[in-house]
């Protein structure tokens, strides 16, 4: 039976939000014949999230017991994933009930694609939602095409925290990059340059905005430009080498 893995990196301060994320995973209306697992990797020297994840029979929690950061934590979770597809869910975000079904349907309708990006609404502190304009046309995306936008604007036109990907492709690309602020964009530009993908028009997840959000912290904004430069350099190198993926 095919399996989709939801991958979440978390730290001890996210217990309440992680429980909400878990409930959103539990609410998934799975396509016929599919199963789901939730792989949670806890970062930090004082783990405290096991009891949260154990509420969910599909949840699998491991704490590595030291502070490593988001990219190594996601990569450790990736090493534990069993599904042929992996969907990234940040610990403070939530899936809408059709999220998995929409992603699986896109992979089944377009067997050549290696990634599926769905739309998100911002989830505001009062639990209301705010939509924002799609920056790239929905539909099938040939390998390399979406990175024309990235090269022009300096960042991908999709939110990389909500992408579903073929697990073996992510592993082949080395997982999330050792980039201090743009580890997900660095992975995505390589994935999108070498493989075709699909952008769904449906909103299937909620990107939470809150006071404790990592990207809202002043310290996080340092090294932002250097991180973006690393992403641009990776894309340039991929295009100069003209690498291709052979099936």
C-alpha atoms as a PDB file:
ATOM      1  CA  UNK A   1       0.000   0.000   0.000  1.00  0.00           C
ATOM      2  CA  UNK A   2       1.536   3.384  -0.964  1.00  0.00           C
ATOM      3  CA  UNK A   3       2.619   5.642   1.884  1.00  0.00           C
ATOM      4  CA  UNK A   4       3.011   9.409   2.159  1.00  0.00           C
ATOM      5  CA  UNK A   5       5.268  10.757   4.903  1.00  0.00           C
ATOM      6  CA  UNK A   6       4.577  14.123   6.513  1.00  0.00           C
ATOM      7  CA  UNK A   7       7.913  15.452   7.786  1.00  0.00           C
ATOM      8  CA  UNK A   8       8.099  17.963  10.637  1.00  0.00           C
ATOM      9  CA  UNK A   9      11.131  19.482  12.344  1.00  0.00           C
ATOM     10  CA  UNK A  10      10.283  20.955  15.744  1.00  0.00           C
ATOM     11  CA  UNK A  11      11.713  22.305  19.001  1.00  0.00           C
ATOM     12  CA  UNK A  12      10.443  22.107  22.562  1.00  0.00           C
ATOM     13  CA  UNK A  13       8.754  25.507  22.549  1.00  0.00           C
ATOM     14  CA  UNK A  14       6.247  24.409  19.933  1.00  0.00           C
ATOM     15  CA  UNK A  15       4.184  21.856  21.911  1.00  0.00           C
ATOM     16  CA  UNK A  16       0.815  23.585  21.561  1.00  0.00           C
ATOM     17  CA  UNK A  17       1.294  24.450  17.893  1.00  0.00           C
ATOM     18  CA  UNK A  18       2.672  20.992  17.145  1.00  0.00           C
ATOM     19  CA  UNK A  19      -0.473  19.426  18.601  1.00  0.00           C
ATOM     20  CA  UNK A  20      -2.543  21.560  16.227  1.00  0.00           C
ATOM     21  CA  UNK A  21      -0.337  20.494  13.336  1.00  0.00           C
ATOM     22  CA  UNK A  22      -0.840  16.863  14.368  1.00  0.00           C
ATOM     23  CA  UNK A  23      -4.605  17.265  14.477  1.00  0.00           C
ATOM     24  CA  UNK A  24      -4.497  18.677  10.959  1.00  0.00           C
ATOM     25  CA  UNK A  25      -2.597  15.591   9.825  1.00  0.00           C
ATOM     26  CA  UNK A  26      -5.154  13.374  11.570  1.00  0.00           C
ATOM     27  CA  UNK A  27      -7.951  15.143   9.667  1.00  0.00           C
ATOM     28  CA  UNK A  28      -6.577  14.187   6.237  1.00  0.00           C
ATOM     29  CA  UNK A  29      -9.034  12.539   3.864  1.00  0.00           C
ATOM     30  CA  UNK A  30      -6.667  10.065   2.277  1.00  0.00           C
ATOM     31  CA  UNK A  31      -7.060   8.822  -1.289  1.00  0.00           C
ATOM     32  CA  UNK A  32      -8.202   5.208  -1.638  1.00  0.00           C
ATOM     33  CA  UNK A  33      -5.371   2.774  -0.953  1.00  0.00           C
ATOM     34  CA  UNK A  34      -2.998   5.308   0.629  1.00  0.00           C
ATOM     35  CA  UNK A  35      -1.576   5.418   4.141  1.00  0.00           C
ATOM     36  CA  UNK A  36       0.125   8.222   6.037  1.00  0.00           C
ATOM     37  CA  UNK A  37       2.861   8.615   8.637  1.00  0.00           C
ATOM     38  CA  UNK A  38       3.953  11.713  10.558  1.00  0.00           C
ATOM     39  CA  UNK A  39       7.715  11.800  11.139  1.00  0.00           C
ATOM     40  CA  UNK A  40       8.666  14.375  13.773  1.00  0.00           C
ATOM     41  CA  UNK A  41      12.306  15.162  14.536  1.00  0.00           C
ATOM     42  CA  UNK A  42      12.880  17.271  17.637  1.00  0.00           C
ATOM     43  CA  UNK A  43      15.821  19.674  17.745  1.00  0.00           C
ATOM     44  CA  UNK A  44      17.431  20.914  20.947  1.00  0.00           C
ATOM     45  CA  UNK A  45      19.173  19.696  24.085  1.00  0.00           C
ATOM     46  CA  UNK A  46      16.003  19.497  26.252  1.00  0.00           C
ATOM     47  CA  UNK A  47      13.408  17.484  24.293  1.00  0.00           C
ATOM     48  CA  UNK A  48       9.791  17.793  25.402  1.00  0.00           C
ATOM     49  CA  UNK A  49       7.577  16.810  22.471  1.00  0.00           C
ATOM     50  CA  UNK A  50       7.323  13.011  22.655  1.00  0.00           C
ATOM     51  CA  UNK A  51       4.000  13.079  24.505  1.00  0.00           C
ATOM     52  CA  UNK A  52       2.504  15.396  21.890  1.00  0.00           C
ATOM     53  CA  UNK A  53       3.400  13.122  18.989  1.00  0.00           C
ATOM     54  CA  UNK A  54       2.392   9.961  20.853  1.00  0.00           C
ATOM     55  CA  UNK A  55      -1.215  11.204  20.892  1.00  0.00           C
ATOM     56  CA  UNK A  56      -1.357  10.263  17.225  1.00  0.00           C
ATOM     57  CA  UNK A  57      -1.090   6.591  16.218  1.00  0.00           C
ATOM     58  CA  UNK A  58       0.538   7.557  12.914  1.00  0.00           C
ATOM     59  CA  UNK A  59       3.153   9.759  14.641  1.00  0.00           C
ATOM     60  CA  UNK A  60       6.829   8.806  15.013  1.00  0.00           C
ATOM     61  CA  UNK A  61       8.963  11.034  17.257  1.00  0.00           C
ATOM     62  CA  UNK A  62      12.735  11.110  17.719  1.00  0.00           C
ATOM     63  CA  UNK A  63      14.787  13.716  19.600  1.00  0.00           C
ATOM     64  CA  UNK A  64      18.483  13.883  18.749  1.00  0.00           C
ATOM     65  CA  UNK A  65      19.370  15.695  21.976  1.00  0.00           C
ATOM     66  CA  UNK A  66      21.368  18.664  20.715  1.00  0.00           C
ATOM     67  CA  UNK A  67      20.812  21.962  18.906  1.00  0.00           C
ATOM     68  CA  UNK A  68      21.473  21.423  15.193  1.00  0.00           C
ATOM     69  CA  UNK A  69      19.158  23.813  13.354  1.00  0.00           C
ATOM     70  CA  UNK A  70      16.414  23.357  10.800  1.00  0.00           C
ATOM     71  CA  UNK A  71      18.290  21.787   7.868  1.00  0.00           C
ATOM     72  CA  UNK A  72      20.080  18.995   9.805  1.00  0.00           C
ATOM     73  CA  UNK A  73      16.882  18.320  11.753  1.00  0.00           C
ATOM     74  CA  UNK A  74      14.865  17.897   8.577  1.00  0.00           C
ATOM     75  CA  UNK A  75      17.583  15.698   7.088  1.00  0.00           C
ATOM     76  CA  UNK A  76      17.579  13.454  10.158  1.00  0.00           C
ATOM     77  CA  UNK A  77      13.810  13.162   9.784  1.00  0.00           C
ATOM     78  CA  UNK A  78      14.287  12.363   6.093  1.00  0.00           C
ATOM     79  CA  UNK A  79      16.509   9.436   7.076  1.00  0.00           C
ATOM     80  CA  UNK A  80      13.544   7.981   9.008  1.00  0.00           C
ATOM     81  CA  UNK A  81      10.917   8.484   6.302  1.00  0.00           C
ATOM     82  CA  UNK A  82       9.352   5.340   4.823  1.00  0.00           C
ATOM     83  CA  UNK A  83       6.983   6.893   2.265  1.00  0.00           C
ATOM     84  CA  UNK A  84       7.610   7.189  -1.461  1.00  0.00           C
ATOM     85  CA  UNK A  85       6.356  10.779  -1.159  1.00  0.00           C
ATOM     86  CA  UNK A  86       7.371  13.257   1.539  1.00  0.00           C
ATOM     87  CA  UNK A  87       5.437  16.394   2.435  1.00  0.00           C
ATOM     88  CA  UNK A  88       7.054  19.129   4.531  1.00  0.00           C
ATOM     89  CA  UNK A  89       4.905  20.543   7.338  1.00  0.00           C
ATOM     90  CA  UNK A  90       6.467  23.125   9.637  1.00  0.00           C
ATOM     91  CA  UNK A  91       5.634  22.673  13.312  1.00  0.00           C
ATOM     92  CA  UNK A  92       3.544  25.862  13.442  1.00  0.00           C
ATOM     93  CA  UNK A  93       1.610  25.330  10.201  1.00  0.00           C
ATOM     94  CA  UNK A  94      -1.496  23.250   9.448  1.00  0.00           C
ATOM     95  CA  UNK A  95      -2.806  21.129   6.611  1.00  0.00           C
ATOM     96  CA  UNK A  96      -6.330  21.461   5.302  1.00  0.00           C
ATOM     97  CA  UNK A  97      -8.225  18.139   5.062  1.00  0.00           C
ATOM     98  CA  UNK A  98      -7.690  17.649   1.309  1.00  0.00           C
ATOM     99  CA  UNK A  99      -3.948  18.440   1.295  1.00  0.00           C
ATOM    100  CA  UNK A 100      -2.652  14.901   0.878  1.00  0.00           C
ATOM    101  CA  UNK A 101      -5.379  13.936  -1.584  1.00  0.00           C
ATOM    102  CA  UNK A 102      -4.663  16.939  -3.810  1.00  0.00           C
ATOM    103  CA  UNK A 103      -0.924  16.216  -3.863  1.00  0.00           C
ATOM    104  CA  UNK A 104      -1.368  12.502  -4.585  1.00  0.00           C
ATOM    105  CA  UNK A 105      -3.853  13.244  -7.366  1.00  0.00           C
ATOM    106  CA  UNK A 106      -1.318  15.536  -9.037  1.00  0.00           C
ATOM    107  CA  UNK A 107       1.393  12.865  -8.895  1.00  0.00           C
ATOM    108  CA  UNK A 108      -0.991  10.244 -10.273  1.00  0.00           C
ATOM    109  CA  UNK A 109      -2.200  12.509 -13.090  1.00  0.00           C
ATOM    110  CA  UNK A 110       1.354  13.580 -14.016  1.00  0.00           C
ATOM    111  CA  UNK A 111       3.640  10.555 -13.396  1.00  0.00           C
ATOM    112  CA  UNK A 112       6.754  12.390 -14.643  1.00  0.00           C
ATOM    113  CA  UNK A 113       6.726  15.067 -11.933  1.00  0.00           C
ATOM    114  CA  UNK A 114       8.989  14.944  -8.886  1.00  0.00           C
ATOM    115  CA  UNK A 115       7.378  17.723  -6.853  1.00  0.00           C
ATOM    116  CA  UNK A 116       3.966  19.251  -6.252  1.00  0.00           C
ATOM    117  CA  UNK A 117       3.506  22.724  -4.758  1.00  0.00           C
ATOM    118  CA  UNK A 118       0.093  23.710  -3.406  1.00  0.00           C
ATOM    119  CA  UNK A 119      -1.256  27.085  -2.348  1.00  0.00           C
ATOM    120  CA  UNK A 120      -1.399  28.423   1.210  1.00  0.00           C
ATOM    121  CA  UNK A 121      -3.346  31.040   3.096  1.00  0.00           C
ATOM    122  CA  UNK A 122      -1.759  32.998   5.911  1.00  0.00           C
ATOM    123  CA  UNK A 123      -3.256  32.003   9.271  1.00  0.00           C
ATOM    124  CA  UNK A 124      -3.436  35.135  11.415  1.00  0.00           C
ATOM    125  CA  UNK A 125      -3.133  35.229  15.234  1.00  0.00           C
ATOM    126  CA  UNK A 126      -6.938  35.453  15.609  1.00  0.00           C
ATOM    127  CA  UNK A 127      -7.301  32.270  13.481  1.00  0.00           C
ATOM    128  CA  UNK A 128      -8.706  34.151  10.496  1.00  0.00           C
ATOM    129  CA  UNK A 129      -7.177  33.521   7.084  1.00  0.00           C
ATOM    130  CA  UNK A 130      -5.663  35.854   4.513  1.00  0.00           C
ATOM    131  CA  UNK A 131      -5.109  34.768   0.934  1.00  0.00           C
ATOM    132  CA  UNK A 132      -2.409  36.078  -1.358  1.00  0.00           C
ATOM    133  CA  UNK A 133      -1.923  36.121  -5.088  1.00  0.00           C
ATOM    134  CA  UNK A 134      -0.394  33.151  -6.883  1.00  0.00           C
ATOM    135  CA  UNK A 135       2.955  34.312  -8.273  1.00  0.00           C
ATOM    136  CA  UNK A 136       3.266  31.612 -10.932  1.00  0.00           C
ATOM    137  CA  UNK A 137       0.646  29.906 -13.128  1.00  0.00           C
ATOM    138  CA  UNK A 138      -0.813  26.679 -11.787  1.00  0.00           C
ATOM    139  CA  UNK A 139      -0.287  23.517 -13.810  1.00  0.00           C
ATOM    140  CA  UNK A 140       2.531  21.372 -15.129  1.00  0.00           C
ATOM    141  CA  UNK A 141       6.007  22.957 -14.858  1.00  0.00           C
ATOM    142  CA  UNK A 142       8.816  21.620 -17.120  1.00  0.00           C
ATOM    143  CA  UNK A 143      12.233  21.093 -15.561  1.00  0.00           C
ATOM    144  CA  UNK A 144      14.049  24.409 -15.151  1.00  0.00           C
ATOM    145  CA  UNK A 145      11.146  26.609 -16.226  1.00  0.00           C
ATOM    146  CA  UNK A 146      10.108  27.938 -12.815  1.00  0.00           C
ATOM    147  CA  UNK A 147      13.711  28.938 -12.113  1.00  0.00           C
ATOM    148  CA  UNK A 148      13.498  31.599 -14.818  1.00  0.00           C
ATOM    149  CA  UNK A 149      11.347  33.427 -12.259  1.00  0.00           C
ATOM    150  CA  UNK A 150      13.825  32.607  -9.483  1.00  0.00           C
ATOM    151  CA  UNK A 151      16.755  33.968 -11.499  1.00  0.00           C
ATOM    152  CA  UNK A 152      14.892  37.208 -12.194  1.00  0.00           C
ATOM    153  CA  UNK A 153      13.404  37.820  -8.743  1.00  0.00           C
ATOM    154  CA  UNK A 154      15.991  36.196  -6.470  1.00  0.00           C
ATOM    155  CA  UNK A 155      13.622  33.689  -4.877  1.00  0.00           C
ATOM    156  CA  UNK A 156      11.221  30.924  -5.982  1.00  0.00           C
ATOM    157  CA  UNK A 157       7.615  31.962  -6.671  1.00  0.00           C
ATOM    158  CA  UNK A 158       6.204  29.254  -4.377  1.00  0.00           C
ATOM    159  CA  UNK A 159       6.360  28.745  -0.615  1.00  0.00           C
ATOM    160  CA  UNK A 160       8.919  25.973  -0.196  1.00  0.00           C
ATOM    161  CA  UNK A 161       7.612  24.942   3.229  1.00  0.00           C
ATOM    162  CA  UNK A 162       4.571  23.245   1.703  1.00  0.00           C
ATOM    163  CA  UNK A 163       5.969  21.116  -1.117  1.00  0.00           C
ATOM    164  CA  UNK A 164       5.362  17.384  -1.600  1.00  0.00           C
ATOM    165  CA  UNK A 165       8.308  15.601  -3.223  1.00  0.00           C
ATOM    166  CA  UNK A 166       9.477  12.176  -4.313  1.00  0.00           C
ATOM    167  CA  UNK A 167      11.520  10.953  -1.367  1.00  0.00           C
ATOM    168  CA  UNK A 168      14.319   9.357  -3.362  1.00  0.00           C
ATOM    169  CA  UNK A 169      14.802  12.547  -5.390  1.00  0.00           C
ATOM    170  CA  UNK A 170      15.195  14.624  -2.234  1.00  0.00           C
ATOM    171  CA  UNK A 171      17.727  12.119  -0.934  1.00  0.00           C
ATOM    172  CA  UNK A 172      19.613  12.122  -4.234  1.00  0.00           C
ATOM    173  CA  UNK A 173      19.961  15.905  -3.983  1.00  0.00           C
ATOM    174  CA  UNK A 174      21.314  15.699  -0.440  1.00  0.00           C
ATOM    175  CA  UNK A 175      18.194  16.946   1.327  1.00  0.00           C
ATOM    176  CA  UNK A 176      18.040  20.446   2.769  1.00  0.00           C
ATOM    177  CA  UNK A 177      21.110  22.568   2.169  1.00  0.00           C
ATOM    178  CA  UNK A 178      23.501  23.905   4.799  1.00  0.00           C
ATOM    179  CA  UNK A 179      22.194  27.396   4.162  1.00  0.00           C
ATOM    180  CA  UNK A 180      21.629  29.532   7.276  1.00  0.00           C
ATOM    181  CA  UNK A 181      18.347  31.111   6.147  1.00  0.00           C
ATOM    182  CA  UNK A 182      17.200  29.576   2.833  1.00  0.00           C
ATOM    183  CA  UNK A 183      17.732  25.836   3.198  1.00  0.00           C
ATOM    184  CA  UNK A 184      14.371  25.045   1.600  1.00  0.00           C
ATOM    185  CA  UNK A 185      14.860  27.413  -1.358  1.00  0.00           C
ATOM    186  CA  UNK A 186      18.316  25.938  -1.993  1.00  0.00           C
ATOM    187  CA  UNK A 187      16.809  22.450  -2.180  1.00  0.00           C
ATOM    188  CA  UNK A 188      13.910  23.608  -4.331  1.00  0.00           C
ATOM    189  CA  UNK A 189      15.970  25.375  -7.004  1.00  0.00           C
ATOM    190  CA  UNK A 190      17.955  22.160  -7.579  1.00  0.00           C
ATOM    191  CA  UNK A 191      14.807  20.030  -7.554  1.00  0.00           C
ATOM    192  CA  UNK A 192      12.977  22.344  -9.945  1.00  0.00           C
ATOM    193  CA  UNK A 193      15.963  22.780 -12.259  1.00  0.00           C
ATOM    194  CA  UNK A 194      16.484  19.036 -12.730  1.00  0.00           C
ATOM    195  CA  UNK A 195      12.922  17.706 -12.594  1.00  0.00           C
ATOM    196  CA  UNK A 196       9.426  18.706 -13.726  1.00  0.00           C
ATOM    197  CA  UNK A 197       6.782  19.535 -11.180  1.00  0.00           C
ATOM    198  CA  UNK A 198       3.201  20.641 -10.758  1.00  0.00           C
ATOM    199  CA  UNK A 199       1.581  23.648  -9.054  1.00  0.00           C
ATOM    200  CA  UNK A 200      -1.964  23.097  -7.854  1.00  0.00           C
ATOM    201  CA  UNK A 201      -4.458  25.967  -7.752  1.00  0.00           C
ATOM    202  CA  UNK A 202      -6.055  24.673  -4.548  1.00  0.00           C
ATOM    203  CA  UNK A 203      -5.256  26.126  -1.136  1.00  0.00           C
ATOM    204  CA  UNK A 204      -4.336  23.070   0.938  1.00  0.00           C
ATOM    205  CA  UNK A 205      -2.343  24.397   3.902  1.00  0.00           C
ATOM    206  CA  UNK A 206      -2.139  27.311   6.318  1.00  0.00           C
ATOM    207  CA  UNK A 207       1.017  29.307   6.998  1.00  0.00           C
ATOM    208  CA  UNK A 208       0.741  30.550  10.568  1.00  0.00           C
ATOM    209  CA  UNK A 209       1.829  34.094  11.441  1.00  0.00           C
ATOM    210  CA  UNK A 210       2.618  34.534  15.157  1.00  0.00           C
ATOM    211  CA  UNK A 211       4.897  36.424  17.530  1.00  0.00           C
ATOM    212  CA  UNK A 212       7.271  33.493  18.099  1.00  0.00           C
ATOM    213  CA  UNK A 213       7.779  32.853  14.387  1.00  0.00           C
ATOM    214  CA  UNK A 214      11.445  32.205  13.585  1.00  0.00           C
ATOM    215  CA  UNK A 215      11.430  34.293  10.410  1.00  0.00           C
ATOM    216  CA  UNK A 216      10.048  37.280  12.329  1.00  0.00           C
ATOM    217  CA  UNK A 217      12.973  37.399  14.712  1.00  0.00           C
ATOM    218  CA  UNK A 218      15.513  40.193  14.145  1.00  0.00           C
ATOM    219  CA  UNK A 219      18.410  37.756  14.468  1.00  0.00           C
ATOM    220  CA  UNK A 220      16.989  35.616  11.660  1.00  0.00           C
ATOM    221  CA  UNK A 221      17.213  38.552   9.268  1.00  0.00           C
ATOM    222  CA  UNK A 222      20.992  38.609   9.570  1.00  0.00           C
ATOM    223  CA  UNK A 223      22.744  36.615   6.817  1.00  0.00           C
ATOM    224  CA  UNK A 224      19.562  36.869   4.742  1.00  0.00           C
ATOM    225  CA  UNK A 225      21.278  38.397   1.724  1.00  0.00           C
ATOM    226  CA  UNK A 226      24.234  36.006   1.949  1.00  0.00           C
ATOM    227  CA  UNK A 227      21.795  33.098   2.061  1.00  0.00           C
ATOM    228  CA  UNK A 228      19.971  34.375  -1.023  1.00  0.00           C
ATOM    229  CA  UNK A 229      23.319  34.720  -2.801  1.00  0.00           C
ATOM    230  CA  UNK A 230      24.045  31.064  -2.087  1.00  0.00           C
ATOM    231  CA  UNK A 231      20.730  30.094  -3.669  1.00  0.00           C
ATOM    232  CA  UNK A 232      21.434  32.177  -6.773  1.00  0.00           C
ATOM    233  CA  UNK A 233      24.918  30.713  -7.059  1.00  0.00           C
ATOM    234  CA  UNK A 234      23.551  27.189  -6.859  1.00  0.00           C
ATOM    235  CA  UNK A 235      21.091  27.885  -9.653  1.00  0.00           C
ATOM    236  CA  UNK A 236      23.785  29.494 -11.802  1.00  0.00           C
ATOM    237  CA  UNK A 237      26.090  26.510 -11.308  1.00  0.00           C
ATOM    238  CA  UNK A 238      23.351  24.035 -12.205  1.00  0.00           C
ATOM    239  CA  UNK A 239      22.635  25.922 -15.401  1.00  0.00           C
ATOM    240  CA  UNK A 240      26.293  26.322 -16.355  1.00  0.00           C
ATOM    241  CA  UNK A 241      26.946  22.606 -15.877  1.00  0.00           C
ATOM    242  CA  UNK A 242      23.732  21.702 -17.738  1.00  0.00           C
ATOM    243  CA  UNK A 243      23.105  18.792 -15.460  1.00  0.00           C
ATOM    244  CA  UNK A 244      20.208  16.478 -16.320  1.00  0.00           C
ATOM    245  CA  UNK A 245      18.340  13.767 -14.483  1.00  0.00           C
ATOM    246  CA  UNK A 246      18.144  10.387 -16.199  1.00  0.00           C
ATOM    247  CA  UNK A 247      15.210   8.146 -15.238  1.00  0.00           C
END
